[in-house]
C-alpha atoms as a PDB file:
ATOM      1  CA  MET A   1      -1.111 -16.259   3.854  1.00  0.00           C
ATOM      2  CA  SER A   2       2.434 -15.041   2.874  1.00  0.00           C
ATOM      3  CA  ASP A   3       3.161 -13.394  -0.431  1.00  0.00           C
ATOM      4  CA  ALA A   4       5.352 -16.395  -1.414  1.00  0.00           C
ATOM      5  CA  GLU A   5       2.072 -18.475  -1.675  1.00  0.00           C
ATOM      6  CA  GLN A   6       0.384 -15.681  -4.112  1.00  0.00           C
ATOM      7  CA  TRP A   7       2.478 -16.131  -7.135  1.00  0.00           C
ATOM      8  CA  GLN A   8       4.939 -18.842  -7.213  1.00  0.00           C
ATOM      9  CA  LEU A   9       6.654 -20.759  -9.808  1.00  0.00           C
ATOM     10  CA  HIS A  10       8.192 -24.146  -9.732  1.00  0.00           C
ATOM     11  CA  GLY A  11      10.359 -26.314 -12.025  1.00  0.00           C
ATOM     12  CA  ASN A  12      11.637 -24.503 -15.263  1.00  0.00           C
ATOM     13  CA  ALA A  13       8.634 -22.167 -15.288  1.00  0.00           C
ATOM     14  CA  ALA A  14      10.831 -19.058 -14.450  1.00  0.00           C
ATOM     15  CA  GLU A  15      12.955 -19.698 -17.619  1.00  0.00           C
ATOM     16  CA  LEU A  16       9.824 -20.256 -19.722  1.00  0.00           C
ATOM     17  CA  TYR A  17       8.292 -16.982 -18.347  1.00  0.00           C
ATOM     18  CA  GLU A  18      11.384 -15.029 -19.272  1.00  0.00           C
ATOM     19  CA  ARG A  19      11.515 -16.801 -22.827  1.00  0.00           C
ATOM     20  CA  HIS A  20       7.974 -16.336 -23.815  1.00  0.00           C
ATOM     21  CA  LEU A  21       5.924 -14.294 -21.450  1.00  0.00           C
ATOM     22  CA  VAL A  22       8.252 -11.339 -21.047  1.00  0.00           C
ATOM     23  CA  PRO A  23       8.704 -10.564 -24.750  1.00  0.00           C
ATOM     24  CA  ALA A  24       5.099 -11.072 -25.467  1.00  0.00           C
ATOM     25  CA  ILE A  25       3.473  -9.293 -22.570  1.00  0.00           C
ATOM     26  CA  THR A  26       5.700  -7.939 -19.668  1.00  0.00           C
ATOM     27  CA  SER A  27       8.169  -6.132 -21.786  1.00  0.00           C
ATOM     28  CA  LEU A  28       5.510  -3.924 -23.172  1.00  0.00           C
ATOM     29  CA  TRP A  29       4.337  -2.822 -19.939  1.00  0.00           C
ATOM     30  CA  ALA A  30       7.923  -2.360 -18.566  1.00  0.00           C
ATOM     31  CA  ALA A  31       9.034  -0.045 -21.364  1.00  0.00           C
ATOM     32  CA  ASP A  32       5.914   2.002 -20.912  1.00  0.00           C
ATOM     33  CA  LEU A  33       6.328   2.379 -17.334  1.00  0.00           C
ATOM     34  CA  VAL A  34       9.762   3.226 -17.412  1.00  0.00           C
ATOM     35  CA  GLU A  35       9.351   5.941 -19.933  1.00  0.00           C
ATOM     36  CA  ARG A  36       6.537   7.527 -17.856  1.00  0.00           C
ATOM     37  CA  ALA A  37       8.618   7.523 -14.522  1.00  0.00           C
ATOM     38  CA  ALA A  38      11.856   8.519 -16.726  1.00  0.00           C
ATOM     39  CA  PRO A  39      14.550   7.498 -14.074  1.00  0.00           C
ATOM     40  CA  HIS A  40      17.805   9.489 -14.478  1.00  0.00           C
ATOM     41  CA  ALA A  41      21.612   8.995 -13.642  1.00  0.00           C
ATOM     42  CA  GLY A  42      22.490   9.137 -10.078  1.00  0.00           C
ATOM     43  CA  GLN A  43      19.196   8.007  -8.803  1.00  0.00           C
ATOM     44  CA  ARG A  44      18.451   5.161  -6.395  1.00  0.00           C
ATOM     45  CA  VAL A  45      15.844   2.843  -8.072  1.00  0.00           C
ATOM     46  CA  LEU A  46      13.886  -0.078  -6.678  1.00  0.00           C
ATOM     47  CA  ASP A  47      12.109  -2.651  -8.732  1.00  0.00           C
ATOM     48  CA  LEU A  48       9.686  -4.280  -6.128  1.00  0.00           C
ATOM     49  CA  ALA A  49       8.266  -7.751  -7.397  1.00  0.00           C
ATOM     50  CA  CYS A  50      11.015  -7.493 -10.156  1.00  0.00           C
ATOM     51  CA  GLY A  51      10.352 -11.006 -11.458  1.00  0.00           C
ATOM     52  CA  THR A  52      13.073 -11.764 -14.049  1.00  0.00           C
ATOM     53  CA  GLY A  53      13.984  -8.185 -13.913  1.00  0.00           C
ATOM     54  CA  ILE A  54      12.696  -6.622 -17.210  1.00  0.00           C
ATOM     55  CA  VAL A  55      11.927  -3.222 -15.410  1.00  0.00           C
ATOM     56  CA  ALA A  56      15.420  -3.068 -13.672  1.00  0.00           C
ATOM     57  CA  ARG A  57      16.980  -4.029 -17.115  1.00  0.00           C
ATOM     58  CA  ILE A  58      15.163  -1.368 -19.168  1.00  0.00           C
ATOM     59  CA  ALA A  59      15.838   1.381 -16.264  1.00  0.00           C
ATOM     60  CA  ALA A  60      19.585   0.425 -16.081  1.00  0.00           C
ATOM     61  CA  ALA A  61      19.880   1.121 -19.945  1.00  0.00           C
ATOM     62  CA  ARG A  62      18.703   4.689 -19.268  1.00  0.00           C
ATOM     63  CA  MET A  63      21.006   5.450 -16.479  1.00  0.00           C
ATOM     64  CA  CYS A  64      24.929   5.473 -16.568  1.00  0.00           C
ATOM     65  CA  GLU A  65      25.251   5.822 -12.843  1.00  0.00           C
ATOM     66  CA  GLY A  66      23.190   5.394  -9.677  1.00  0.00           C
ATOM     67  CA  ARG A  67      21.763   2.370  -7.953  1.00  0.00           C
ATOM     68  CA  ILE A  68      19.173  -0.051  -9.159  1.00  0.00           C
ATOM     69  CA  VAL A  69      17.913  -3.026  -6.882  1.00  0.00           C
ATOM     70  CA  GLY A  70      15.611  -5.661  -7.835  1.00  0.00           C
ATOM     71  CA  VAL A  71      13.654  -7.479  -4.936  1.00  0.00           C
ATOM     72  CA  ASP A  72      11.340 -10.489  -5.444  1.00  0.00           C
ATOM     73  CA  ILE A  73      10.109 -13.276  -3.133  1.00  0.00           C
ATOM     74  CA  ASN A  74      10.567 -15.964  -5.742  1.00  0.00           C
ATOM     75  CA  PRO A  75      14.242 -17.323  -5.823  1.00  0.00           C
ATOM     76  CA  ALA A  76      13.770 -19.045  -9.152  1.00  0.00           C
ATOM     77  CA  MET A  77      12.944 -15.718 -10.689  1.00  0.00           C
ATOM     78  CA  LEU A  78      15.700 -14.093  -9.262  1.00  0.00           C
ATOM     79  CA  ALA A  79      18.182 -16.709 -10.410  1.00  0.00           C
ATOM     80  CA  VAL A  80      17.009 -15.832 -14.111  1.00  0.00           C
ATOM     81  CA  ALA A  81      17.309 -12.279 -13.459  1.00  0.00           C
ATOM     82  CA  ARG A  82      20.854 -12.413 -12.274  1.00  0.00           C
ATOM     83  CA  SER A  83      21.825 -14.570 -15.206  1.00  0.00           C
ATOM     84  CA  LEU A  84      20.508 -11.777 -17.699  1.00  0.00           C
ATOM     85  CA  SER A  85      21.965  -8.665 -16.049  1.00  0.00           C
ATOM     86  CA  THR A  86      25.850  -9.429 -16.345  1.00  0.00           C
ATOM     87  CA  ASP A  87      26.156  -7.030 -19.201  1.00  0.00           C
ATOM     88  CA  ALA A  88      23.757  -4.327 -18.000  1.00  0.00           C
ATOM     89  CA  ARG A  89      25.143  -0.959 -18.448  1.00  0.00           C
ATOM     90  CA  LEU A  90      24.630  -0.395 -14.735  1.00  0.00           C
ATOM     91  CA  LYS A  91      25.053  -2.904 -12.366  1.00  0.00           C
ATOM     92  CA  ILE A  92      21.806  -4.419 -10.934  1.00  0.00           C
ATOM     93  CA  GLU A  93      21.679  -5.630  -7.292  1.00  0.00           C
ATOM     94  CA  TRP A  94      19.341  -8.568  -6.846  1.00  0.00           C
ATOM     95  CA  GLU A  95      17.827  -9.365  -3.504  1.00  0.00           C
ATOM     96  CA  GLU A  96      15.324 -11.996  -2.127  1.00  0.00           C
ATOM     97  CA  GLY A  97      12.610 -10.319   0.060  1.00  0.00           C
ATOM     98  CA  SER A  98       8.917  -9.674   0.821  1.00  0.00           C
ATOM     99  CA  ALA A  99       7.021  -6.575  -0.045  1.00  0.00           C
ATOM    100  CA  LEU A 100       5.622  -6.539   3.460  1.00  0.00           C
ATOM    101  CA  ALA A 101       9.107  -6.263   5.151  1.00  0.00           C
ATOM    102  CA  LEU A 102      11.385  -4.525   2.702  1.00  0.00           C
ATOM    103  CA  PRO A 103      14.987  -5.229   3.522  1.00  0.00           C
ATOM    104  CA  PHE A 104      16.080  -1.452   3.306  1.00  0.00           C
ATOM    105  CA  SER A 105      16.361   1.466   5.856  1.00  0.00           C
ATOM    106  CA  ASP A 106      14.219   4.584   5.588  1.00  0.00           C
ATOM    107  CA  ASP A 107      14.777   6.855   2.816  1.00  0.00           C
ATOM    108  CA  SER A 108      16.711   4.330   0.752  1.00  0.00           C
ATOM    109  CA  PHE A 109      15.249   5.041  -2.828  1.00  0.00           C
ATOM    110  CA  ASP A 110      14.337   8.010  -5.018  1.00  0.00           C
ATOM    111  CA  LEU A 111      12.221   5.980  -7.242  1.00  0.00           C
ATOM    112  CA  ILE A 112      10.085   2.539  -6.934  1.00  0.00           C
ATOM    113  CA  PHE A 113       8.715   0.537  -9.624  1.00  0.00           C
ATOM    114  CA  CYS A 114       5.881  -1.985  -8.993  1.00  0.00           C
ATOM    115  CA  GLN A 115       4.820  -3.367 -12.206  1.00  0.00           C
ATOM    116  CA  LEU A 116       1.847  -5.709 -12.094  1.00  0.00           C
ATOM    117  CA  GLY A 117       2.744  -6.971  -8.532  1.00  0.00           C
ATOM    118  CA  LEU A 118       0.582  -4.953  -6.057  1.00  0.00           C
ATOM    119  CA  GLN A 119      -2.587  -7.170  -7.022  1.00  0.00           C
ATOM    120  CA  PHE A 120      -0.732 -10.264  -5.721  1.00  0.00           C
ATOM    121  CA  PHE A 121       0.526  -8.846  -2.207  1.00  0.00           C
ATOM    122  CA  PRO A 122      -1.581 -10.304   0.521  1.00  0.00           C
ATOM    123  CA  ASP A 123      -1.457  -6.985   2.498  1.00  0.00           C
ATOM    124  CA  LYS A 124      -1.511  -4.321   0.139  1.00  0.00           C
ATOM    125  CA  ARG A 125      -1.862  -1.500   2.663  1.00  0.00           C
ATOM    126  CA  MET A 126       1.368  -2.970   4.284  1.00  0.00           C
ATOM    127  CA  ALA A 127       3.237  -3.077   1.045  1.00  0.00           C
ATOM    128  CA  LEU A 128       2.199   0.626   0.238  1.00  0.00           C
ATOM    129  CA  HIS A 129       3.382   1.601   3.473  1.00  0.00           C
ATOM    130  CA  GLU A 130       6.692  -0.140   3.198  1.00  0.00           C
ATOM    131  CA  MET A 131       7.171   1.366  -0.226  1.00  0.00           C
ATOM    132  CA  ARG A 132       6.683   4.930   1.182  1.00  0.00           C
ATOM    133  CA  ARG A 133       9.088   4.341   4.055  1.00  0.00           C
ATOM    134  CA  VAL A 134      11.933   3.281   1.918  1.00  0.00           C
ATOM    135  CA  LEU A 135      11.319   6.352  -0.390  1.00  0.00           C
ATOM    136  CA  THR A 136      13.184   9.698   0.119  1.00  0.00           C
ATOM    137  CA  GLY A 137      11.197  12.666   1.222  1.00  0.00           C
ATOM    138  CA  ASP A 138      10.283  13.696  -2.537  1.00  0.00           C
ATOM    139  CA  GLY A 139      10.688  10.144  -3.871  1.00  0.00           C
ATOM    140  CA  ARG A 140       8.195   8.817  -6.361  1.00  0.00           C
ATOM    141  CA  LEU A 141       6.125   5.529  -6.990  1.00  0.00           C
ATOM    142  CA  ALA A 142       5.463   4.264 -10.441  1.00  0.00           C
ATOM    143  CA  LEU A 143       3.035   1.106 -10.338  1.00  0.00           C
ATOM    144  CA  SER A 144       0.668  -0.702 -12.669  1.00  0.00           C
ATOM    145  CA  VAL A 145      -2.137  -3.243 -12.135  1.00  0.00           C
ATOM    146  CA  PHE A 146      -4.341  -4.760 -14.433  1.00  0.00           C
ATOM    147  CA  THR A 147      -8.133  -3.520 -14.981  1.00  0.00           C
ATOM    148  CA  SER A 148     -11.034  -5.892 -15.035  1.00  0.00           C
ATOM    149  CA  ILE A 149     -10.509  -9.148 -16.530  1.00  0.00           C
ATOM    150  CA  GLY A 150     -13.702  -8.378 -18.588  1.00  0.00           C
ATOM    151  CA  ARG A 151     -11.430  -5.968 -20.370  1.00  0.00           C
ATOM    152  CA  THR A 152      -8.698  -8.680 -21.256  1.00  0.00           C
ATOM    153  CA  PRO A 153     -10.784 -11.083 -23.621  1.00  0.00           C
ATOM    154  CA  ALA A 154      -8.041 -13.889 -23.707  1.00  0.00           C
ATOM    155  CA  SER A 155      -7.699 -13.859 -19.864  1.00  0.00           C
ATOM    156  CA  ASN A 156     -11.486 -13.905 -19.156  1.00  0.00           C
ATOM    157  CA  ALA A 157     -11.852 -16.638 -21.770  1.00  0.00           C
ATOM    158  CA  LEU A 158      -9.139 -18.699 -20.281  1.00  0.00           C
ATOM    159  CA  ALA A 159     -10.482 -18.318 -16.669  1.00  0.00           C
ATOM    160  CA  ASP A 160     -13.915 -19.563 -17.644  1.00  0.00           C
ATOM    161  CA  ALA A 161     -12.248 -22.458 -19.484  1.00  0.00           C
ATOM    162  CA  LEU A 162     -10.318 -23.475 -16.284  1.00  0.00           C
ATOM    163  CA  ASP A 163     -13.384 -23.631 -14.088  1.00  0.00           C
ATOM    164  CA  ARG A 164     -15.185 -25.572 -16.736  1.00  0.00           C
ATOM    165  CA  HIS A 165     -12.301 -28.189 -17.408  1.00  0.00           C
ATOM    166  CA  LEU A 166     -10.737 -28.170 -13.952  1.00  0.00           C
ATOM    167  CA  GLY A 167     -13.353 -27.418 -11.533  1.00  0.00           C
ATOM    168  CA  ALA A 168     -15.052 -24.457  -9.821  1.00  0.00           C
ATOM    169  CA  GLY A 169     -12.336 -22.064  -8.548  1.00  0.00           C
ATOM    170  CA  ALA A 170      -9.447 -23.481 -10.925  1.00  0.00           C
ATOM    171  CA  SER A 171      -9.442 -19.886 -12.235  1.00  0.00           C
ATOM    172  CA  LYS A 172      -8.775 -18.136  -8.806  1.00  0.00           C
ATOM    173  CA  THR A 173      -5.008 -17.361  -9.422  1.00  0.00           C
ATOM    174  CA  LYS A 174      -5.746 -16.037 -12.840  1.00  0.00           C
ATOM    175  CA  ARG A 175      -8.698 -13.894 -11.618  1.00  0.00           C
ATOM    176  CA  SER A 176      -6.354 -12.470  -8.866  1.00  0.00           C
ATOM    177  CA  GLU A 177      -4.395 -10.521 -11.525  1.00  0.00           C
ATOM    178  CA  HIS A 178      -7.403  -8.287 -11.873  1.00  0.00           C
ATOM    179  CA  VAL A 179      -8.356  -7.809  -8.069  1.00  0.00           C
ATOM    180  CA  LEU A 180      -7.423  -4.044  -8.339  1.00  0.00           C
ATOM    181  CA  SER A 181      -9.764  -3.404 -11.209  1.00  0.00           C
ATOM    182  CA  ASP A 182     -11.688  -0.604  -9.240  1.00  0.00           C
ATOM    183  CA  ALA A 183      -9.761   2.652 -10.090  1.00  0.00           C
ATOM    184  CA  GLY A 184     -11.336   4.436  -7.140  1.00  0.00           C
ATOM    185  CA  ALA A 185     -10.280   1.788  -4.677  1.00  0.00           C
ATOM    186  CA  LEU A 186      -6.591   1.882  -6.121  1.00  0.00           C
ATOM    187  CA  ARG A 187      -6.374   5.550  -5.880  1.00  0.00           C
ATOM    188  CA  GLY A 188      -7.887   5.286  -2.282  1.00  0.00           C
ATOM    189  CA  LEU A 189      -5.196   2.564  -1.347  1.00  0.00           C
ATOM    190  CA  VAL A 190      -2.440   4.710  -2.570  1.00  0.00           C
ATOM    191  CA  THR A 191      -3.681   8.046  -0.928  1.00  0.00           C
ATOM    192  CA  GLU A 192      -4.464   6.391   2.354  1.00  0.00           C
ATOM    193  CA  ALA A 193      -0.821   5.170   2.404  1.00  0.00           C
ATOM    194  CA  GLY A 194       0.172   8.724   2.430  1.00  0.00           C
ATOM    195  CA  PHE A 195       1.175   9.291  -1.212  1.00  0.00           C
ATOM    196  CA  ARG A 196       0.233  12.604  -2.938  1.00  0.00           C
ATOM    197  CA  ASN A 197       0.026  14.043  -6.405  1.00  0.00           C
ATOM    198  CA  VAL A 198      -1.599  10.593  -7.598  1.00  0.00           C
ATOM    199  CA  GLU A 199      -1.958  10.499 -11.373  1.00  0.00           C
ATOM    200  CA  MET A 200      -3.694   7.538 -12.980  1.00  0.00           C
ATOM    201  CA  THR A 201      -3.883   6.646 -16.741  1.00  0.00           C
ATOM    202  CA  THR A 202      -5.677   3.762 -18.201  1.00  0.00           C
ATOM    203  CA  VAL A 203      -3.388   2.097 -20.927  1.00  0.00           C
ATOM    204  CA  THR A 204      -3.894  -0.506 -23.555  1.00  0.00           C
ATOM    205  CA  GLN A 205      -1.387  -2.645 -25.056  1.00  0.00           C
ATOM    206  CA  MET A 206      -2.078  -5.270 -27.963  1.00  0.00           C
ATOM    207  CA  ILE A 207      -0.824  -8.696 -26.929  1.00  0.00           C
ATOM    208  CA  SER A 208       0.070 -11.425 -29.516  1.00  0.00           C
ATOM    209  CA  PHE A 209       0.794 -14.960 -29.600  1.00  0.00           C
ATOM    210  CA  PRO A 210       1.348 -17.258 -32.511  1.00  0.00           C
ATOM    211  CA  SER A 211      -1.830 -19.124 -31.772  1.00  0.00           C
ATOM    212  CA  ALA A 212      -4.361 -20.067 -28.963  1.00  0.00           C
ATOM    213  CA  GLY A 213      -2.608 -23.171 -28.391  1.00  0.00           C
ATOM    214  CA  GLU A 214       0.683 -21.397 -27.675  1.00  0.00           C
ATOM    215  CA  TYR A 215      -0.935 -18.980 -25.334  1.00  0.00           C
ATOM    216  CA  VAL A 216      -2.748 -21.827 -23.492  1.00  0.00           C
ATOM    217  CA  ARG A 217       0.399 -23.935 -23.027  1.00  0.00           C
ATOM    218  CA  LEU A 218       2.345 -21.047 -21.839  1.00  0.00           C
ATOM    219  CA  GLN A 219      -0.104 -20.030 -19.334  1.00  0.00           C
ATOM    220  CA  LEU A 220      -0.330 -23.632 -17.951  1.00  0.00           C
ATOM    221  CA  SER A 221       3.708 -24.122 -17.823  1.00  0.00           C
ATOM    222  CA  ALA A 222       5.143 -20.742 -17.237  1.00  0.00           C
ATOM    223  CA  THR A 223       2.962 -19.154 -14.659  1.00  0.00           C
ATOM    224  CA  PRO A 224       1.444 -20.477 -11.242  1.00  0.00           C
ATOM    225  CA  LEU A 225      -1.421 -22.064 -13.277  1.00  0.00           C
ATOM    226  CA  SER A 226       1.049 -24.892 -13.947  1.00  0.00           C
ATOM    227  CA  SER A 227      -0.038 -26.345 -10.520  1.00  0.00           C
ATOM    228  CA  LEU A 228      -3.346 -27.140 -11.838  1.00  0.00           C
ATOM    229  CA  LEU A 229      -1.806 -29.956 -13.991  1.00  0.00           C
ATOM    230  CA  ASP A 230       0.397 -31.455 -11.117  1.00  0.00           C
ATOM    231  CA  GLY A 231      -0.262 -35.129 -10.903  1.00  0.00           C
ATOM    232  CA  MET A 232      -1.477 -35.438 -14.600  1.00  0.00           C
ATOM    233  CA  GLY A 233      -0.105 -38.062 -16.707  1.00  0.00           C
ATOM    234  CA  SER A 234       1.264 -36.680 -20.013  1.00  0.00           C
ATOM    235  CA  GLU A 235      -2.045 -37.952 -21.984  1.00  0.00           C
ATOM    236  CA  LEU A 236      -4.315 -36.261 -19.695  1.00  0.00           C
ATOM    237  CA  ARG A 237      -2.192 -33.099 -19.728  1.00  0.00           C
ATOM    238  CA  LEU A 238      -2.225 -32.761 -23.282  1.00  0.00           C
ATOM    239  CA  ALA A 239      -5.994 -33.565 -23.605  1.00  0.00           C
ATOM    240  CA  THR A 240      -6.807 -30.967 -21.025  1.00  0.00           C
ATOM    241  CA  VAL A 241      -4.643 -28.266 -22.766  1.00  0.00           C
ATOM    242  CA  ASP A 242      -6.515 -29.135 -26.035  1.00  0.00           C
ATOM    243  CA  ARG A 243      -9.982 -28.836 -24.393  1.00  0.00           C
ATOM    244  CA  ILE A 244      -9.150 -25.402 -22.768  1.00  0.00           C
ATOM    245  CA  THR A 245      -7.636 -24.293 -26.233  1.00  0.00           C
ATOM    246  CA  GLY A 246     -10.694 -25.254 -28.027  1.00  0.00           C
ATOM    247  CA  ASP A 247     -12.800 -23.260 -25.643  1.00  0.00           C
ATOM    248  CA  LEU A 248     -10.680 -20.313 -26.426  1.00  0.00           C
ATOM    249  CA  ILE A 249     -10.990 -20.826 -30.031  1.00  0.00           C
ATOM    250  CA  ALA A 250     -14.795 -20.964 -29.710  1.00  0.00           C
ATOM    251  CA  SER A 251     -15.149 -17.801 -27.145  1.00  0.00           C
ATOM    252  CA  LEU A 252     -12.701 -15.592 -29.133  1.00  0.00           C
ATOM    253  CA  GLN A 253     -14.156 -16.662 -32.643  1.00  0.00           C
ATOM    254  CA  LEU A 254     -10.753 -17.585 -33.973  1.00  0.00           C
ATOM    255  CA  ALA A 255     -10.754 -19.345 -37.294  1.00  0.00           C
ATOM    256  CA  SER A 256      -8.454 -22.174 -36.183  1.00  0.00           C
ATOM    257  CA  GLU A 257      -5.952 -23.304 -33.581  1.00  0.00           C
ATOM    258  CA  LYS A 258      -3.248 -22.031 -35.921  1.00  0.00           C
ATOM    259  CA  THR A 259      -4.909 -18.604 -35.990  1.00  0.00           C
ATOM    260  CA  GLU A 260      -2.689 -15.914 -34.538  1.00  0.00           C
ATOM    261  CA  LEU A 261      -4.037 -14.898 -31.162  1.00  0.00           C
ATOM    262  CA  ARG A 262      -4.263 -11.046 -30.746  1.00  0.00           C
ATOM    263  CA  TYR A 263      -6.003  -9.108 -28.008  1.00  0.00           C
ATOM    264  CA  PRO A 264      -6.169  -5.901 -25.981  1.00  0.00           C
ATOM    265  CA  GLN A 265      -4.839  -5.811 -22.484  1.00  0.00           C
ATOM    266  CA  GLU A 266      -5.731  -2.969 -20.087  1.00  0.00           C
ATOM    267  CA  ALA A 267      -4.120  -1.633 -17.203  1.00  0.00           C
ATOM    268  CA  TYR A 268      -3.976   1.286 -14.753  1.00  0.00           C
ATOM    269  CA  VAL A 269      -0.482   3.027 -14.594  1.00  0.00           C
ATOM    270  CA  LEU A 270      -0.071   5.133 -11.562  1.00  0.00           C
ATOM    271  CA  LEU A 271       2.413   7.708 -10.549  1.00  0.00           C
ATOM    272  CA  ALA A 272       2.558   9.393  -7.080  1.00  0.00           C
ATOM    273  CA  ILE A 273       4.867  11.484  -4.740  1.00  0.00           C
ATOM    274  CA  LYS A 274       5.674  10.376  -1.123  1.00  0.00           C
END
């Protein structure tokens, strides 16, 4: 399976993702990761699995000179990233490419960011070896991955509801976000790839959406979960979303569909040196 098959969007999902999920979720993790890695002027920075480019944009705002490159397998994500970076303080380069065969020579970067992406790569060891290859001799890696799905109540409730209403295995993509939840295994992957001075921190962000219904609608339209509704007529789609939303309301003990949805989301943040 190629990494194109792991986390792909279609239609206008990339625009919806940037408009709604980046402000609600991804930007929180991006700001934290960039702050911890502290890129500075003159560095060469790679944002791997960049999506619509929030990490690269935040890094560019800190740097008055240097090089920033965003790489993603998904052309729709990159199209949105390009449209948003025209006024960046530092010009950002955007390239379509695979994490398993990075289109760069050895020793090309001083710092690599990989925010919430490693868990989706079909060959994680290969991806880490590629990251190490393109780093300079003392280059640094800054990555994040989600912990156990049981530590993120909304995701856990959604996954159970997907299986209940769309068939066994419907939650596979959602659950795959959490496949690197074993801290020891994650550290082992990174050290086995040759990285040293590995530092891991467990970080929790509070995520909020206007309602459970809004959360479910966005998950089923702005992420790869949207494919679960392919082929459904509009009435069946709405009914399915309503049933899944009802399950979340019950599981999370919300007062009503209009109640604000707030939940903790936990991730490992890892820093290492080549």
